[in-house]
Each structure stands twice: as structure tokens, then as C-alpha cells.
Amino acid sequence: MAMNSLSPNSITKTFHIYLRDEVLFKDLDQYEFDLIWGRIYKSYYKDDLSYEEINFDSDVLDGSY
């Protein structure tokens, strides 16, 4: 698994991969997404696969809950 160092004011992104609108993989980093997407996109019906890229500012995260 790739380790990302977070710097102040950094934008972090994560990916979710879906098959027929059901989550297959959640909270993947860029390396994990590229590896998995490259393999499963060839294996499944392409019309049934989708992904979502989520960008967030790591300075805004509240770890108090």
C-alpha cells in the first residue's frame, strides 16, 4: 500500500469503484485505484463499472468524532 504524506493545505483524493451501482472498492488512493481499475476494467462488462473521484482538503477534516 502506498503511503501519502499530507502537507498543510493539501488536496487529497480518494476513489470508489462500483459494479452495477454497488460498491466494490472504497477509499482507494491513486496507486491502488490505477492498479485495480486497470485490471477489472478489462474483466467485467464495461457498461456496468463506474468510479467516483472524491477530492477534499485535508486541513478541513475534523477528527473529533
PDB file of N, CA and C in Angstrom:
ATOM      1  N   MET A   1       0.849  -1.170   0.000  1.00  0.00           N
ATOM      2  CA  MET A   1       0.000   0.000   0.000  1.00  0.00           C
ATOM      3  C   MET A   1       0.894   1.231   0.000  1.00  0.00           C
ATOM      4  N   ALA A   2       0.570   2.196  -0.797  1.00  0.00           N
ATOM      5  CA  ALA A   2       1.350   3.425  -0.894  1.00  0.00           C
ATOM      6  C   ALA A   2       0.997   4.343   0.262  1.00  0.00           C
ATOM      7  N   MET A   3       2.005   4.962   0.820  1.00  0.00           N
ATOM      8  CA  MET A   3       1.800   5.905   1.919  1.00  0.00           C
ATOM      9  C   MET A   3       1.882   7.312   1.361  1.00  0.00           C
ATOM     10  N   ASN A   4       0.915   8.113   1.678  1.00  0.00           N
ATOM     11  CA  ASN A   4       0.907   9.508   1.248  1.00  0.00           C
ATOM     12  C   ASN A   4       1.183  10.389   2.449  1.00  0.00           C
ATOM     13  N   SER A   5       2.123  11.325   2.304  1.00  0.00           N
ATOM     14  CA  SER A   5       2.325  12.281   3.386  1.00  0.00           C
ATOM     15  C   SER A   5       1.468  13.494   3.098  1.00  0.00           C
ATOM     16  N   LEU A   6       0.737  13.909   4.095  1.00  0.00           N
ATOM     17  CA  LEU A   6      -0.164  15.038   3.937  1.00  0.00           C
ATOM     18  C   LEU A   6       0.550  16.297   4.380  1.00  0.00           C
ATOM     19  N   SER A   7       0.561  17.282   3.538  1.00  0.00           N
ATOM     20  CA  SER A   7       1.152  18.562   3.893  1.00  0.00           C
ATOM     21  C   SER A   7       0.028  19.563   4.119  1.00  0.00           C
ATOM     22  N   PRO A   8       0.314  20.620   4.864  1.00  0.00           N
ATOM     23  CA  PRO A   8      -0.721  21.632   5.090  1.00  0.00           C
ATOM     24  C   PRO A   8      -1.272  22.167   3.775  1.00  0.00           C
ATOM     25  N   ASN A   9      -2.563  22.464   3.769  1.00  0.00           N
ATOM     26  CA  ASN A   9      -3.250  22.993   2.589  1.00  0.00           C
ATOM     27  C   ASN A   9      -3.201  22.036   1.403  1.00  0.00           C
ATOM     28  N   SER A  10      -3.128  20.759   1.650  1.00  0.00           N
ATOM     29  CA  SER A  10      -3.065  19.820   0.533  1.00  0.00           C
ATOM     30  C   SER A  10      -4.460  19.291   0.214  1.00  0.00           C
ATOM     31  N   ILE A  11      -4.669  19.058  -1.056  1.00  0.00           N
ATOM     32  CA  ILE A  11      -5.903  18.442  -1.520  1.00  0.00           C
ATOM     33  C   ILE A  11      -5.621  16.947  -1.649  1.00  0.00           C
ATOM     34  N   THR A  12      -6.452  16.153  -1.028  1.00  0.00           N
ATOM     35  CA  THR A  12      -6.302  14.710  -1.056  1.00  0.00           C
ATOM     36  C   THR A  12      -7.454  14.140  -1.866  1.00  0.00           C
ATOM     37  N   LYS A  13      -7.179  13.067  -2.595  1.00  0.00           N
ATOM     38  CA  LYS A  13      -8.276  12.438  -3.326  1.00  0.00           C
ATOM     39  C   LYS A  13      -8.320  10.954  -3.025  1.00  0.00           C
ATOM     40  N   THR A  14      -9.506  10.436  -3.118  1.00  0.00           N
ATOM     41  CA  THR A  14      -9.751   9.026  -2.902  1.00  0.00           C
ATOM     42  C   THR A  14     -10.734   8.558  -3.979  1.00  0.00           C
ATOM     43  N   PHE A  15     -10.787   7.270  -4.206  1.00  0.00           N
ATOM     44  CA  PHE A  15     -11.629   6.709  -5.265  1.00  0.00           C
ATOM     45  C   PHE A  15     -12.510   5.600  -4.709  1.00  0.00           C
ATOM     46  N   HIS A  16     -13.718   5.496  -5.271  1.00  0.00           N
ATOM     47  CA  HIS A  16     -14.625   4.381  -5.010  1.00  0.00           C
ATOM     48  C   HIS A  16     -14.926   3.754  -6.374  1.00  0.00           C
ATOM     49  N   ILE A  17     -14.940   2.428  -6.436  1.00  0.00           N
ATOM     50  CA  ILE A  17     -15.257   1.703  -7.674  1.00  0.00           C
ATOM     51  C   ILE A  17     -16.556   0.942  -7.457  1.00  0.00           C
ATOM     52  N   TYR A  18     -17.445   1.033  -8.450  1.00  0.00           N
ATOM     53  CA  TYR A  18     -18.773   0.416  -8.373  1.00  0.00           C
ATOM     54  C   TYR A  18     -18.980  -0.572  -9.517  1.00  0.00           C
ATOM     55  N   LEU A  19     -19.707  -1.631  -9.229  1.00  0.00           N
ATOM     56  CA  LEU A  19     -20.179  -2.576 -10.238  1.00  0.00           C
ATOM     57  C   LEU A  19     -21.686  -2.619 -10.107  1.00  0.00           C
ATOM     58  N   ARG A  20     -22.376  -2.210 -11.157  1.00  0.00           N
ATOM     59  CA  ARG A  20     -23.850  -2.137 -11.149  1.00  0.00           C
ATOM     60  C   ARG A  20     -24.350  -1.348  -9.937  1.00  0.00           C
ATOM     61  N   ASP A  21     -23.722  -0.209  -9.693  1.00  0.00           N
ATOM     62  CA  ASP A  21     -24.093   0.709  -8.612  1.00  0.00           C
ATOM     63  C   ASP A  21     -23.881   0.153  -7.204  1.00  0.00           C
ATOM     64  N   GLU A  22     -23.143  -0.941  -7.066  1.00  0.00           N
ATOM     65  CA  GLU A  22     -22.780  -1.492  -5.759  1.00  0.00           C
ATOM     66  C   GLU A  22     -21.284  -1.266  -5.554  1.00  0.00           C
ATOM     67  N   VAL A  23     -20.905  -0.867  -4.354  1.00  0.00           N
ATOM     68  CA  VAL A  23     -19.501  -0.581  -4.071  1.00  0.00           C
ATOM     69  C   VAL A  23     -18.682  -1.861  -4.096  1.00  0.00           C
ATOM     70  N   LEU A  24     -17.622  -1.858  -4.921  1.00  0.00           N
ATOM     71  CA  LEU A  24     -16.651  -2.954  -4.921  1.00  0.00           C
ATOM     72  C   LEU A  24     -15.445  -2.595  -4.071  1.00  0.00           C
ATOM     73  N   PHE A  25     -14.934  -1.381  -4.237  1.00  0.00           N
ATOM     74  CA  PHE A  25     -13.763  -0.896  -3.524  1.00  0.00           C
ATOM     75  C   PHE A  25     -14.038   0.528  -3.067  1.00  0.00           C
ATOM     76  N   LYS A  26     -13.596   0.841  -1.861  1.00  0.00           N
ATOM     77  CA  LYS A  26     -13.885   2.141  -1.267  1.00  0.00           C
ATOM     78  C   LYS A  26     -12.595   2.751  -0.714  1.00  0.00           C
ATOM     79  N   ASP A  27     -12.475   4.068  -0.840  1.00  0.00           N
ATOM     80  CA  ASP A  27     -11.349   4.820  -0.276  1.00  0.00           C
ATOM     81  C   ASP A  27      -9.985   4.353  -0.781  1.00  0.00           C
ATOM     82  N   LEU A  28      -9.878   4.182  -2.084  1.00  0.00           N
ATOM     83  CA  LEU A  28      -8.596   3.809  -2.692  1.00  0.00           C
ATOM     84  C   LEU A  28      -7.753   5.053  -2.931  1.00  0.00           C
ATOM     85  N   ASP A  29      -6.445   4.944  -2.724  1.00  0.00           N
ATOM     86  CA  ASP A  29      -5.577   6.050  -3.118  1.00  0.00           C
ATOM     87  C   ASP A  29      -5.296   5.923  -4.621  1.00  0.00           C
ATOM     88  N   GLN A  30      -4.571   6.866  -5.178  1.00  0.00           N
ATOM     89  CA  GLN A  30      -4.338   6.893  -6.629  1.00  0.00           C
ATOM     90  C   GLN A  30      -3.640   5.621  -7.113  1.00  0.00           C
ATOM     91  N   TYR A  31      -2.637   5.169  -6.387  1.00  0.00           N
ATOM     92  CA  TYR A  31      -1.903   3.970  -6.782  1.00  0.00           C
ATOM     93  C   TYR A  31      -2.816   2.744  -6.786  1.00  0.00           C
ATOM     94  N   GLU A  32      -3.580   2.567  -5.713  1.00  0.00           N
ATOM     95  CA  GLU A  32      -4.487   1.426  -5.619  1.00  0.00           C
ATOM     96  C   GLU A  32      -5.549   1.479  -6.709  1.00  0.00           C
ATOM     97  N   PHE A  33      -6.101   2.669  -6.945  1.00  0.00           N
ATOM     98  CA  PHE A  33      -7.116   2.816  -7.984  1.00  0.00           C
ATOM     99  C   PHE A  33      -6.567   2.425  -9.354  1.00  0.00           C
ATOM    100  N   ASP A  34      -5.403   2.965  -9.705  1.00  0.00           N
ATOM    101  CA  ASP A  34      -4.809   2.667 -11.015  1.00  0.00           C
ATOM    102  C   ASP A  34      -4.573   1.176 -11.192  1.00  0.00           C
ATOM    103  N   LEU A  35      -4.078   0.534 -10.159  1.00  0.00           N
ATOM    104  CA  LEU A  35      -3.797  -0.898 -10.224  1.00  0.00           C
ATOM    105  C   LEU A  35      -5.082  -1.716 -10.390  1.00  0.00           C
ATOM    106  N   ILE A  36      -6.065  -1.447  -9.548  1.00  0.00           N
ATOM    107  CA  ILE A  36      -7.311  -2.228  -9.569  1.00  0.00           C
ATOM    108  C   ILE A  36      -8.141  -1.913 -10.803  1.00  0.00           C
ATOM    109  N   TRP A  37      -8.314  -0.629 -11.130  1.00  0.00           N
ATOM    110  CA  TRP A  37      -9.132  -0.245 -12.279  1.00  0.00           C
ATOM    111  C   TRP A  37      -8.562  -0.835 -13.568  1.00  0.00           C
ATOM    112  N   GLY A  38      -7.254  -0.789 -13.702  1.00  0.00           N
ATOM    113  CA  GLY A  38      -6.618  -1.330 -14.906  1.00  0.00           C
ATOM    114  C   GLY A  38      -6.873  -2.808 -15.104  1.00  0.00           C
ATOM    115  N   ARG A  39      -7.046  -3.521 -14.013  1.00  0.00           N
ATOM    116  CA  ARG A  39      -7.286  -4.967 -14.102  1.00  0.00           C
ATOM    117  C   ARG A  39      -8.760  -5.313 -14.251  1.00  0.00           C
ATOM    118  N   ILE A  40      -9.624  -4.682 -13.462  1.00  0.00           N
ATOM    119  CA  ILE A  40     -11.036  -5.096 -13.518  1.00  0.00           C
ATOM    120  C   ILE A  40     -11.768  -4.502 -14.714  1.00  0.00           C
ATOM    121  N   TYR A  41     -11.283  -3.373 -15.227  1.00  0.00           N
ATOM    122  CA  TYR A  41     -11.973  -2.764 -16.372  1.00  0.00           C
ATOM    123  C   TYR A  41     -11.933  -3.692 -17.581  1.00  0.00           C
ATOM    124  N   LYS A  42     -10.913  -4.521 -17.668  1.00  0.00           N
ATOM    125  CA  LYS A  42     -10.803  -5.476 -18.773  1.00  0.00           C
ATOM    126  C   LYS A  42     -11.615  -6.742 -18.497  1.00  0.00           C
ATOM    127  N   SER A  43     -11.934  -7.001 -17.239  1.00  0.00           N
ATOM    128  CA  SER A  43     -12.537  -8.265 -16.837  1.00  0.00           C
ATOM    129  C   SER A  43     -14.057  -8.257 -16.780  1.00  0.00           C
ATOM    130  N   TYR A  44     -14.665  -7.106 -16.526  1.00  0.00           N
ATOM    131  CA  TYR A  44     -16.114  -7.030 -16.364  1.00  0.00           C
ATOM    132  C   TYR A  44     -16.742  -6.292 -17.543  1.00  0.00           C
ATOM    133  N   TYR A  45     -18.048  -6.320 -17.577  1.00  0.00           N
ATOM    134  CA  TYR A  45     -18.760  -5.549 -18.582  1.00  0.00           C
ATOM    135  C   TYR A  45     -18.505  -4.071 -18.326  1.00  0.00           C
ATOM    136  N   LYS A  46     -17.932  -3.415 -19.287  1.00  0.00           N
ATOM    137  CA  LYS A  46     -17.520  -2.023 -19.107  1.00  0.00           C
ATOM    138  C   LYS A  46     -18.683  -1.097 -18.792  1.00  0.00           C
ATOM    139  N   ASP A  47     -19.862  -1.401 -19.287  1.00  0.00           N
ATOM    140  CA  ASP A  47     -21.029  -0.559 -19.015  1.00  0.00           C
ATOM    141  C   ASP A  47     -21.500  -0.680 -17.557  1.00  0.00           C
ATOM    142  N   ASP A  48     -21.093  -1.751 -16.877  1.00  0.00           N
ATOM    143  CA  ASP A  48     -21.516  -1.983 -15.502  1.00  0.00           C
ATOM    144  C   ASP A  48     -20.556  -1.394 -14.474  1.00  0.00           C
ATOM    145  N   LEU A  49     -19.379  -0.982 -14.910  1.00  0.00           N
ATOM    146  CA  LEU A  49     -18.378  -0.437 -13.998  1.00  0.00           C
ATOM    147  C   LEU A  49     -18.369   1.076 -14.012  1.00  0.00           C
ATOM    148  N   SER A  50     -18.184   1.656 -12.856  1.00  0.00           N
ATOM    149  CA  SER A  50     -18.024   3.106 -12.761  1.00  0.00           C
ATOM    150  C   SER A  50     -17.140   3.411 -11.562  1.00  0.00           C
ATOM    151  N   TYR A  51     -16.692   4.649 -11.494  1.00  0.00           N
ATOM    152  CA  TYR A  51     -15.916   5.062 -10.336  1.00  0.00           C
ATOM    153  C   TYR A  51     -16.233   6.507  -9.998  1.00  0.00           C
ATOM    154  N   GLU A  52     -15.900   6.864  -8.776  1.00  0.00           N
ATOM    155  CA  GLU A  52     -16.106   8.219  -8.303  1.00  0.00           C
ATOM    156  C   GLU A  52     -14.789   8.695  -7.704  1.00  0.00           C
ATOM    157  N   GLU A  53     -14.372   9.886  -8.091  1.00  0.00           N
ATOM    158  CA  GLU A  53     -13.177  10.507  -7.519  1.00  0.00           C
ATOM    159  C   GLU A  53     -13.627  11.583  -6.538  1.00  0.00           C
ATOM    160  N   ILE A  54     -13.125  11.509  -5.329  1.00  0.00           N
ATOM    161  CA  ILE A  54     -13.515  12.455  -4.291  1.00  0.00           C
ATOM    162  C   ILE A  54     -12.284  13.248  -3.881  1.00  0.00           C
ATOM    163  N   ASN A  55     -12.369  14.559  -4.021  1.00  0.00           N
ATOM    164  CA  ASN A  55     -11.287  15.457  -3.628  1.00  0.00           C
ATOM    165  C   ASN A  55     -11.710  16.191  -2.368  1.00  0.00           C
ATOM    166  N   PHE A  56     -10.800  16.264  -1.403  1.00  0.00           N
ATOM    167  CA  PHE A  56     -11.100  17.004  -0.188  1.00  0.00           C
ATOM    168  C   PHE A  56      -9.840  17.663   0.343  1.00  0.00           C
ATOM    169  N   ASP A  57     -10.053  18.727   1.075  1.00  0.00           N
ATOM    170  CA  ASP A  57      -8.965  19.483   1.672  1.00  0.00           C
ATOM    171  C   ASP A  57      -8.653  18.830   3.015  1.00  0.00           C
ATOM    172  N   SER A  58      -7.461  18.288   3.154  1.00  0.00           N
ATOM    173  CA  SER A  58      -7.107  17.563   4.376  1.00  0.00           C
ATOM    174  C   SER A  58      -7.055  18.484   5.586  1.00  0.00           C
ATOM    175  N   ASP A  59      -6.945  19.791   5.399  1.00  0.00           N
ATOM    176  CA  ASP A  59      -6.945  20.722   6.527  1.00  0.00           C
ATOM    177  C   ASP A  59      -8.321  20.890   7.126  1.00  0.00           C
ATOM    178  N   VAL A  60      -9.363  20.523   6.399  1.00  0.00           N
ATOM    179  CA  VAL A  60     -10.736  20.722   6.858  1.00  0.00           C
ATOM    180  C   VAL A  60     -11.243  19.521   7.632  1.00  0.00           C
ATOM    181  N   LEU A  61     -10.558  18.414   7.554  1.00  0.00           N
ATOM    182  CA  LEU A  61     -11.018  17.201   8.236  1.00  0.00           C
ATOM    183  C   LEU A  61     -11.067  17.407   9.740  1.00  0.00           C
ATOM    184  N   ASP A  62     -12.146  16.957  10.340  1.00  0.00           N
ATOM    185  CA  ASP A  62     -12.335  17.072  11.769  1.00  0.00           C
ATOM    186  C   ASP A  62     -12.287  15.683  12.378  1.00  0.00           C
ATOM    187  N   GLY A  63     -11.262  15.379  13.123  1.00  0.00           N
ATOM    188  CA  GLY A  63     -11.113  14.066  13.714  1.00  0.00           C
ATOM    189  C   GLY A  63     -11.704  13.949  15.109  1.00  0.00           C
ATOM    190  N   SER A  64     -12.568  14.860  15.485  1.00  0.00           N
ATOM    191  CA  SER A  64     -13.080  14.880  16.843  1.00  0.00           C
ATOM    192  C   SER A  64     -14.235  13.905  17.094  1.00  0.00           C
ATOM    193  N   TYR A  65     -14.766  13.284  16.058  1.00  0.00           N
ATOM    194  CA  TYR A  65     -15.895  12.389  16.302  1.00  0.00           C
ATOM    195  C   TYR A  65     -15.496  10.961  16.337  1.00  0.00           C
TER     196      TYR A  65
END
